[in-house]
């Protein structure tokens, strides 16, 4: 039975993202528009499950399916839409069977991209909310040590409330600079805070 593990912030998470982004960009080739670091490991200073979440922006979501084998070659299992229409979800586990990476792949026009990036950017800009989220995740991991569904359900209302606040905040702020993104047109370009 796998445990729900929430760990202190790791200064290596941005580098782990950068490495994974380069590998995925190479596997998907010219389909990739940009790759963003999302999820709790992209928010500085908070506890997180030690899993790097990548949001992969592509020019054609249906063309991604032809790259399942090249992603499998670097350890990613193709899961299809996995509950979100228009997504291609890939996951990677380590040799011990623990999840290390999630790659959420969407076409550039998908509203899911803006939602994920706005949540991340809002949390970075509002460290008090980020710390509340961090404390909630620690509490839920202790409460549901072997129940990932219970852990996820416990975060749901907080995430929905933050999504709403983040959307309002986004409309009133210029978010031209996005931290921890990999632009496939310039493989040396990484933005990080």
C-alpha atoms as a PDB file:
ATOM      1  CA  UNK A   1       0.000   0.000   0.000  1.00  0.00           C
ATOM      2  CA  UNK A   2       1.462   3.347  -1.052  1.00  0.00           C
ATOM      3  CA  UNK A   3       1.663   6.142   1.487  1.00  0.00           C
ATOM      4  CA  UNK A   4       0.575   9.734   0.887  1.00  0.00           C
ATOM      5  CA  UNK A   5       3.889  11.520   1.328  1.00  0.00           C
ATOM      6  CA  UNK A   6       4.180  15.290   1.703  1.00  0.00           C
ATOM      7  CA  UNK A   7       7.731  16.549   2.122  1.00  0.00           C
ATOM      8  CA  UNK A   8       9.430  19.882   2.895  1.00  0.00           C
ATOM      9  CA  UNK A   9      10.317  22.127  -0.057  1.00  0.00           C
ATOM     10  CA  UNK A  10      13.255  20.810  -2.074  1.00  0.00           C
ATOM     11  CA  UNK A  11      15.586  23.309  -3.790  1.00  0.00           C
ATOM     12  CA  UNK A  12      16.227  20.673  -6.504  1.00  0.00           C
ATOM     13  CA  UNK A  13      12.628  20.691  -7.780  1.00  0.00           C
ATOM     14  CA  UNK A  14      13.206  23.442 -10.390  1.00  0.00           C
ATOM     15  CA  UNK A  15      16.200  21.533 -11.789  1.00  0.00           C
ATOM     16  CA  UNK A  16      14.215  18.296 -11.819  1.00  0.00           C
ATOM     17  CA  UNK A  17      11.531  20.128 -13.790  1.00  0.00           C
ATOM     18  CA  UNK A  18      14.114  21.519 -16.253  1.00  0.00           C
ATOM     19  CA  UNK A  19      15.597  18.050 -16.851  1.00  0.00           C
ATOM     20  CA  UNK A  20      12.178  16.464 -17.380  1.00  0.00           C
ATOM     21  CA  UNK A  21      11.091  19.309 -19.684  1.00  0.00           C
ATOM     22  CA  UNK A  22      14.147  18.777 -21.902  1.00  0.00           C
ATOM     23  CA  UNK A  23      13.478  15.026 -22.085  1.00  0.00           C
ATOM     24  CA  UNK A  24       9.804  15.487 -22.948  1.00  0.00           C
ATOM     25  CA  UNK A  25      10.587  18.171 -25.526  1.00  0.00           C
ATOM     26  CA  UNK A  26      13.034  15.807 -27.208  1.00  0.00           C
ATOM     27  CA  UNK A  27      10.476  12.966 -27.174  1.00  0.00           C
ATOM     28  CA  UNK A  28       7.652  15.099 -28.608  1.00  0.00           C
ATOM     29  CA  UNK A  29       9.767  17.046 -31.071  1.00  0.00           C
ATOM     30  CA  UNK A  30       8.193  19.942 -32.919  1.00  0.00           C
ATOM     31  CA  UNK A  31       4.762  19.323 -31.346  1.00  0.00           C
ATOM     32  CA  UNK A  32       5.860  21.178 -28.181  1.00  0.00           C
ATOM     33  CA  UNK A  33       5.116  24.883 -27.914  1.00  0.00           C
ATOM     34  CA  UNK A  34       6.110  25.366 -24.266  1.00  0.00           C
ATOM     35  CA  UNK A  35       6.446  23.343 -21.079  1.00  0.00           C
ATOM     36  CA  UNK A  36       5.478  24.814 -17.708  1.00  0.00           C
ATOM     37  CA  UNK A  37       6.250  23.738 -14.161  1.00  0.00           C
ATOM     38  CA  UNK A  38       2.949  23.466 -12.264  1.00  0.00           C
ATOM     39  CA  UNK A  39       1.703  21.841  -9.092  1.00  0.00           C
ATOM     40  CA  UNK A  40       3.010  22.289  -5.582  1.00  0.00           C
ATOM     41  CA  UNK A  41       6.669  21.703  -6.485  1.00  0.00           C
ATOM     42  CA  UNK A  42       6.471  24.882  -8.617  1.00  0.00           C
ATOM     43  CA  UNK A  43       5.460  27.036  -5.631  1.00  0.00           C
ATOM     44  CA  UNK A  44       8.512  28.066  -3.583  1.00  0.00           C
ATOM     45  CA  UNK A  45       8.622  27.336   0.124  1.00  0.00           C
ATOM     46  CA  UNK A  46       5.719  24.906   0.512  1.00  0.00           C
ATOM     47  CA  UNK A  47       5.398  21.245   1.371  1.00  0.00           C
ATOM     48  CA  UNK A  48       4.458  18.990  -1.540  1.00  0.00           C
ATOM     49  CA  UNK A  49       4.210  15.433  -2.683  1.00  0.00           C
ATOM     50  CA  UNK A  50       7.650  14.853  -4.271  1.00  0.00           C
ATOM     51  CA  UNK A  51       6.165  14.679  -7.781  1.00  0.00           C
ATOM     52  CA  UNK A  52       7.118  17.076 -10.578  1.00  0.00           C
ATOM     53  CA  UNK A  53       4.044  18.202 -12.515  1.00  0.00           C
ATOM     54  CA  UNK A  54       4.629  19.447 -16.032  1.00  0.00           C
ATOM     55  CA  UNK A  55       2.065  21.189 -18.212  1.00  0.00           C
ATOM     56  CA  UNK A  56       3.036  20.468 -21.803  1.00  0.00           C
ATOM     57  CA  UNK A  57       1.576  22.877 -24.356  1.00  0.00           C
ATOM     58  CA  UNK A  58       1.405  21.379 -27.851  1.00  0.00           C
ATOM     59  CA  UNK A  59       0.224  22.594 -31.234  1.00  0.00           C
ATOM     60  CA  UNK A  60      -1.988  19.542 -31.911  1.00  0.00           C
ATOM     61  CA  UNK A  61      -3.249  17.349 -29.069  1.00  0.00           C
ATOM     62  CA  UNK A  62      -4.237  14.472 -31.361  1.00  0.00           C
ATOM     63  CA  UNK A  63      -0.730  14.314 -32.829  1.00  0.00           C
ATOM     64  CA  UNK A  64       0.663  13.586 -29.347  1.00  0.00           C
ATOM     65  CA  UNK A  65      -0.689  10.030 -29.506  1.00  0.00           C
ATOM     66  CA  UNK A  66       1.862   9.178 -32.198  1.00  0.00           C
ATOM     67  CA  UNK A  67       4.616   9.899 -29.632  1.00  0.00           C
ATOM     68  CA  UNK A  68       3.476   7.460 -26.928  1.00  0.00           C
ATOM     69  CA  UNK A  69       6.357   5.084 -27.694  1.00  0.00           C
ATOM     70  CA  UNK A  70       9.006   7.810 -27.536  1.00  0.00           C
ATOM     71  CA  UNK A  71       7.603   8.937 -24.176  1.00  0.00           C
ATOM     72  CA  UNK A  72       7.511   5.323 -22.970  1.00  0.00           C
ATOM     73  CA  UNK A  73      11.198   5.072 -23.863  1.00  0.00           C
ATOM     74  CA  UNK A  74      11.945   7.771 -21.250  1.00  0.00           C
ATOM     75  CA  UNK A  75       9.692   6.142 -18.657  1.00  0.00           C
ATOM     76  CA  UNK A  76       6.290   7.780 -19.176  1.00  0.00           C
ATOM     77  CA  UNK A  77       3.123   5.679 -19.269  1.00  0.00           C
ATOM     78  CA  UNK A  78       0.390   7.020 -21.577  1.00  0.00           C
ATOM     79  CA  UNK A  79      -2.960   7.283 -19.777  1.00  0.00           C
ATOM     80  CA  UNK A  80      -5.046   9.023 -22.476  1.00  0.00           C
ATOM     81  CA  UNK A  81      -7.365  11.812 -21.373  1.00  0.00           C
ATOM     82  CA  UNK A  82      -7.617  10.289 -17.876  1.00  0.00           C
ATOM     83  CA  UNK A  83     -10.793  12.148 -16.935  1.00  0.00           C
ATOM     84  CA  UNK A  84     -10.110  15.527 -18.545  1.00  0.00           C
ATOM     85  CA  UNK A  85     -11.371  15.922 -22.131  1.00  0.00           C
ATOM     86  CA  UNK A  86      -8.704  17.256 -24.473  1.00  0.00           C
ATOM     87  CA  UNK A  87      -5.803  16.202 -22.240  1.00  0.00           C
ATOM     88  CA  UNK A  88      -3.129  13.591 -22.756  1.00  0.00           C
ATOM     89  CA  UNK A  89      -1.818  12.484 -19.393  1.00  0.00           C
ATOM     90  CA  UNK A  90       1.507  10.702 -18.888  1.00  0.00           C
ATOM     91  CA  UNK A  91       2.975   9.491 -15.611  1.00  0.00           C
ATOM     92  CA  UNK A  92       6.413   8.278 -14.625  1.00  0.00           C
ATOM     93  CA  UNK A  93       7.372   6.205 -11.596  1.00  0.00           C
ATOM     94  CA  UNK A  94      10.813   5.428 -10.236  1.00  0.00           C
ATOM     95  CA  UNK A  95      12.275   1.906  -9.969  1.00  0.00           C
ATOM     96  CA  UNK A  96      10.586   1.413  -6.578  1.00  0.00           C
ATOM     97  CA  UNK A  97       7.196   2.168  -8.133  1.00  0.00           C
ATOM     98  CA  UNK A  98       6.735   5.641  -6.644  1.00  0.00           C
ATOM     99  CA  UNK A  99       5.385   8.432  -8.827  1.00  0.00           C
ATOM    100  CA  UNK A 100       8.017  11.030  -9.726  1.00  0.00           C
ATOM    101  CA  UNK A 101       6.480  12.953 -12.656  1.00  0.00           C
ATOM    102  CA  UNK A 102       3.114  13.816 -14.174  1.00  0.00           C
ATOM    103  CA  UNK A 103       2.917  15.342 -17.646  1.00  0.00           C
ATOM    104  CA  UNK A 104      -0.425  17.007 -18.375  1.00  0.00           C
ATOM    105  CA  UNK A 105      -0.518  17.736 -22.101  1.00  0.00           C
ATOM    106  CA  UNK A 106      -2.957  20.200 -23.678  1.00  0.00           C
ATOM    107  CA  UNK A 107      -3.352  22.023 -26.982  1.00  0.00           C
ATOM    108  CA  UNK A 108      -2.325  25.668 -26.775  1.00  0.00           C
ATOM    109  CA  UNK A 109      -5.930  26.960 -26.831  1.00  0.00           C
ATOM    110  CA  UNK A 110      -7.074  24.812 -23.888  1.00  0.00           C
ATOM    111  CA  UNK A 111      -8.513  26.794 -20.960  1.00  0.00           C
ATOM    112  CA  UNK A 112      -6.858  24.245 -18.645  1.00  0.00           C
ATOM    113  CA  UNK A 113      -3.492  25.863 -19.377  1.00  0.00           C
ATOM    114  CA  UNK A 114      -4.569  29.272 -18.117  1.00  0.00           C
ATOM    115  CA  UNK A 115      -6.290  27.741 -15.078  1.00  0.00           C
ATOM    116  CA  UNK A 116      -3.179  25.845 -13.979  1.00  0.00           C
ATOM    117  CA  UNK A 117      -0.795  28.723 -14.611  1.00  0.00           C
ATOM    118  CA  UNK A 118      -3.055  31.268 -12.928  1.00  0.00           C
ATOM    119  CA  UNK A 119      -3.329  29.086  -9.811  1.00  0.00           C
ATOM    120  CA  UNK A 120       0.458  28.679  -9.691  1.00  0.00           C
ATOM    121  CA  UNK A 121       1.159  32.363 -10.252  1.00  0.00           C
ATOM    122  CA  UNK A 122      -1.450  33.410  -7.690  1.00  0.00           C
ATOM    123  CA  UNK A 123       0.107  31.148  -5.064  1.00  0.00           C
ATOM    124  CA  UNK A 124       3.579  32.501  -5.803  1.00  0.00           C
ATOM    125  CA  UNK A 125       2.290  36.085  -5.526  1.00  0.00           C
ATOM    126  CA  UNK A 126       0.373  35.311  -2.297  1.00  0.00           C
ATOM    127  CA  UNK A 127       2.727  33.398   0.032  1.00  0.00           C
ATOM    128  CA  UNK A 128       0.178  33.533   2.879  1.00  0.00           C
ATOM    129  CA  UNK A 129      -2.272  31.484   0.790  1.00  0.00           C
ATOM    130  CA  UNK A 130       0.561  29.196  -0.297  1.00  0.00           C
ATOM    131  CA  UNK A 131       1.463  28.528   3.338  1.00  0.00           C
ATOM    132  CA  UNK A 132      -2.183  27.813   4.178  1.00  0.00           C
ATOM    133  CA  UNK A 133      -2.170  25.304   1.310  1.00  0.00           C
ATOM    134  CA  UNK A 134       1.079  23.811   2.588  1.00  0.00           C
ATOM    135  CA  UNK A 135      -0.360  23.378   6.087  1.00  0.00           C
ATOM    136  CA  UNK A 136      -3.560  21.844   4.690  1.00  0.00           C
ATOM    137  CA  UNK A 137      -1.568  19.291   2.682  1.00  0.00           C
ATOM    138  CA  UNK A 138       0.501  18.316   5.731  1.00  0.00           C
ATOM    139  CA  UNK A 139      -2.654  17.888   7.814  1.00  0.00           C
ATOM    140  CA  UNK A 140      -4.382  15.819   5.116  1.00  0.00           C
ATOM    141  CA  UNK A 141      -1.326  13.605   4.593  1.00  0.00           C
ATOM    142  CA  UNK A 142      -1.346  12.847   8.334  1.00  0.00           C
ATOM    143  CA  UNK A 143      -5.111  12.276   8.304  1.00  0.00           C
ATOM    144  CA  UNK A 144      -5.119  10.081   5.165  1.00  0.00           C
ATOM    145  CA  UNK A 145      -1.684   8.394   5.160  1.00  0.00           C
ATOM    146  CA  UNK A 146      -2.765   5.570   2.821  1.00  0.00           C
ATOM    147  CA  UNK A 147      -5.821   7.112   1.152  1.00  0.00           C
ATOM    148  CA  UNK A 148      -4.898   9.291  -1.827  1.00  0.00           C
ATOM    149  CA  UNK A 149      -8.581   9.850  -2.639  1.00  0.00           C
ATOM    150  CA  UNK A 150      -9.253  11.182   0.864  1.00  0.00           C
ATOM    151  CA  UNK A 151      -6.183  13.403   0.579  1.00  0.00           C
ATOM    152  CA  UNK A 152      -7.292  14.767  -2.821  1.00  0.00           C
ATOM    153  CA  UNK A 153     -10.912  15.261  -1.694  1.00  0.00           C
ATOM    154  CA  UNK A 154      -9.665  17.180   1.341  1.00  0.00           C
ATOM    155  CA  UNK A 155      -7.869  19.687  -0.895  1.00  0.00           C
ATOM    156  CA  UNK A 156     -10.735  20.116  -3.361  1.00  0.00           C
ATOM    157  CA  UNK A 157     -12.702  22.975  -1.773  1.00  0.00           C
ATOM    158  CA  UNK A 158      -9.529  24.953  -1.000  1.00  0.00           C
ATOM    159  CA  UNK A 159      -8.286  24.579  -4.588  1.00  0.00           C
ATOM    160  CA  UNK A 160     -11.651  25.633  -6.021  1.00  0.00           C
ATOM    161  CA  UNK A 161     -11.721  28.715  -3.780  1.00  0.00           C
ATOM    162  CA  UNK A 162      -8.156  29.628  -4.775  1.00  0.00           C
ATOM    163  CA  UNK A 163      -9.001  29.062  -8.468  1.00  0.00           C
ATOM    164  CA  UNK A 164     -11.780  31.648  -8.144  1.00  0.00           C
ATOM    165  CA  UNK A 165      -9.568  34.168  -6.349  1.00  0.00           C
ATOM    166  CA  UNK A 166      -6.747  33.531  -8.813  1.00  0.00           C
ATOM    167  CA  UNK A 167      -9.023  34.185 -11.800  1.00  0.00           C
ATOM    168  CA  UNK A 168     -10.092  37.547 -10.334  1.00  0.00           C
ATOM    169  CA  UNK A 169      -6.477  38.406  -9.515  1.00  0.00           C
ATOM    170  CA  UNK A 170      -5.310  37.399 -13.004  1.00  0.00           C
ATOM    171  CA  UNK A 171      -7.771  39.759 -14.672  1.00  0.00           C
ATOM    172  CA  UNK A 172      -6.315  42.667 -12.706  1.00  0.00           C
ATOM    173  CA  UNK A 173      -2.606  41.856 -13.142  1.00  0.00           C
ATOM    174  CA  UNK A 174      -0.200  41.525 -15.990  1.00  0.00           C
ATOM    175  CA  UNK A 175       1.308  38.035 -15.784  1.00  0.00           C
ATOM    176  CA  UNK A 176       3.577  38.280 -18.795  1.00  0.00           C
ATOM    177  CA  UNK A 177       6.448  36.592 -16.974  1.00  0.00           C
ATOM    178  CA  UNK A 178       5.780  32.963 -16.161  1.00  0.00           C
ATOM    179  CA  UNK A 179       8.203  31.218 -13.809  1.00  0.00           C
ATOM    180  CA  UNK A 180       9.651  27.811 -14.611  1.00  0.00           C
ATOM    181  CA  UNK A 181       8.671  27.419 -18.229  1.00  0.00           C
ATOM    182  CA  UNK A 182      10.544  25.709 -21.011  1.00  0.00           C
ATOM    183  CA  UNK A 183      10.130  27.216 -24.471  1.00  0.00           C
ATOM    184  CA  UNK A 184      10.704  24.591 -27.125  1.00  0.00           C
ATOM    185  CA  UNK A 185      11.787  27.156 -29.689  1.00  0.00           C
ATOM    186  CA  UNK A 186      14.807  28.067 -27.559  1.00  0.00           C
ATOM    187  CA  UNK A 187      16.020  25.044 -25.627  1.00  0.00           C
ATOM    188  CA  UNK A 188      18.226  27.185 -23.410  1.00  0.00           C
ATOM    189  CA  UNK A 189      15.353  29.398 -22.259  1.00  0.00           C
ATOM    190  CA  UNK A 190      14.070  28.690 -18.773  1.00  0.00           C
ATOM    191  CA  UNK A 191      12.222  31.173 -16.631  1.00  0.00           C
ATOM    192  CA  UNK A 192      12.455  30.704 -12.898  1.00  0.00           C
ATOM    193  CA  UNK A 193      11.942  32.794  -9.813  1.00  0.00           C
END
